[in-house]
Amino acid sequence: MFDQAKDLYKLQKQAKEIKKKLENTHIEAEENGVIITINGEQKVLKVTIQDEMLQNKTQLEANLEKAFNKGVKKAQEIGASMMKDIMGDFNLPGMN
């Protein structure tokens, strides 16, 4: 029982460390003149749109959607990789 509590504490501590790393991980996703910057927690930090994209609303909307999706996917991959690393330390079924 003591070992389980100790493991749980260790897991909580590592999860906090990963959260901090994710907050400080910046990901840029670009799609034809639209650049989205998000952090590893999938929070949008910045949106940059080149002037020529302002002339075509339909294309701008499509590029925004694609750039956001690219950024979110990359953030999810980074987060999953970090979690997989710590979960493997605990030999939990289905996590390796």
Protein backbone atom coordinates (compact mmCIF):
# COMPACT_ATOMS: atom_id res chain seq x y z
CA MET A 1 0.00 0.00 0.00
CA PHE A 2 2.84 2.38 0.85
CA ASP A 3 4.45 1.70 -2.51
CA GLN A 4 1.19 2.54 -4.32
CA ALA A 5 0.92 5.87 -2.48
CA LYS A 6 4.54 6.59 -3.26
CA ASP A 7 3.96 5.75 -6.95
CA LEU A 8 0.86 7.93 -7.04
CA TYR A 9 2.77 10.86 -5.57
CA LYS A 10 5.56 10.33 -8.10
CA LEU A 11 3.02 10.20 -10.93
CA GLN A 12 1.33 13.42 -9.76
CA LYS A 13 4.69 15.17 -9.54
CA GLN A 14 5.66 14.04 -13.05
CA ALA A 15 2.27 15.10 -14.42
CA LYS A 16 2.81 18.62 -13.02
CA GLU A 17 6.24 18.73 -14.64
CA ILE A 18 4.78 17.67 -17.98
CA LYS A 19 2.04 20.30 -17.70
CA LYS A 20 4.69 22.98 -17.21
CA LYS A 21 6.70 21.66 -20.17
CA LEU A 22 3.59 21.67 -22.35
CA GLU A 23 2.79 25.26 -21.35
CA ASN A 24 6.28 26.27 -22.49
CA THR A 25 6.28 24.23 -25.71
CA HIS A 26 5.39 26.45 -28.65
CA ILE A 27 4.21 24.88 -31.89
CA GLU A 28 3.85 26.72 -35.18
CA ALA A 29 1.58 25.44 -37.91
CA GLU A 30 1.54 27.17 -41.30
CA GLU A 31 -0.92 26.89 -44.14
CA ASN A 32 -0.59 29.17 -47.19
CA GLY A 33 -0.02 32.49 -45.48
CA VAL A 34 -1.65 31.65 -42.15
CA ILE A 35 0.56 30.87 -39.15
CA ILE A 36 -0.90 29.59 -35.89
CA THR A 37 1.22 29.38 -32.74
CA ILE A 38 -0.14 27.21 -29.94
CA ASN A 39 1.41 25.71 -26.85
CA GLY A 40 1.53 22.06 -25.89
CA GLU A 41 -1.69 22.46 -23.93
CA GLN A 42 -3.44 23.46 -27.18
CA LYS A 43 -3.89 27.08 -26.15
CA VAL A 44 -3.67 29.52 -29.07
CA LEU A 45 -0.87 32.00 -28.47
CA LYS A 46 -0.77 33.88 -31.78
CA VAL A 47 -2.39 34.01 -35.21
CA THR A 48 -0.54 35.64 -38.09
CA ILE A 49 -2.23 36.26 -41.45
CA GLN A 50 -0.36 37.58 -44.46
CA ASP A 51 -1.99 40.59 -46.09
CA GLU A 52 -2.72 38.86 -49.40
CA MET A 53 -4.88 36.31 -47.56
CA LEU A 54 -7.29 39.07 -46.48
CA GLN A 55 -8.60 39.38 -50.03
CA ASN A 56 -10.14 35.90 -50.20
CA LYS A 57 -12.35 35.14 -47.20
CA THR A 58 -13.18 31.58 -48.27
CA GLN A 59 -9.53 30.65 -48.74
CA LEU A 60 -8.56 32.37 -45.49
CA GLU A 61 -11.17 30.39 -43.57
CA ALA A 62 -9.96 27.12 -45.11
CA ASN A 63 -6.32 27.92 -44.34
CA LEU A 64 -7.16 28.89 -40.75
CA GLU A 65 -8.96 25.60 -40.25
CA LYS A 66 -6.06 23.59 -41.71
CA ALA A 67 -3.43 25.48 -39.69
CA PHE A 68 -5.37 25.08 -36.42
CA ASN A 69 -5.84 21.36 -37.06
CA LYS A 70 -2.13 20.89 -37.82
CA GLY A 71 -1.14 22.70 -34.64
CA VAL A 72 -3.59 20.83 -32.41
CA LYS A 73 -2.55 17.47 -33.87
CA LYS A 74 1.13 18.21 -33.22
CA ALA A 75 0.36 19.38 -29.66
CA GLN A 76 -1.57 16.15 -29.02
CA GLU A 77 1.31 14.07 -30.35
CA ILE A 78 3.80 15.87 -28.12
CA GLY A 79 1.57 15.51 -25.05
CA ALA A 80 0.92 11.83 -25.72
CA SER A 81 4.62 11.18 -26.14
CA MET A 82 5.43 12.86 -22.83
CA MET A 83 2.68 10.96 -21.02
CA LYS A 84 3.74 7.66 -22.56
CA ASP A 85 7.26 8.19 -21.24
CA ILE A 86 6.12 8.57 -17.62
CA MET A 87 3.35 5.98 -17.75
CA GLY A 88 5.85 3.39 -18.94
CA ASP A 89 7.77 3.87 -15.69
CA PHE A 90 4.80 2.45 -13.76
CA ASN A 91 4.25 -0.70 -15.85
CA LEU A 92 0.51 -0.12 -16.06
CA PRO A 93 -1.42 -2.57 -18.25
CA GLY A 94 -2.12 -1.22 -21.71
CA MET A 95 0.21 1.76 -21.38
CA ASN A 96 3.36 0.31 -22.94
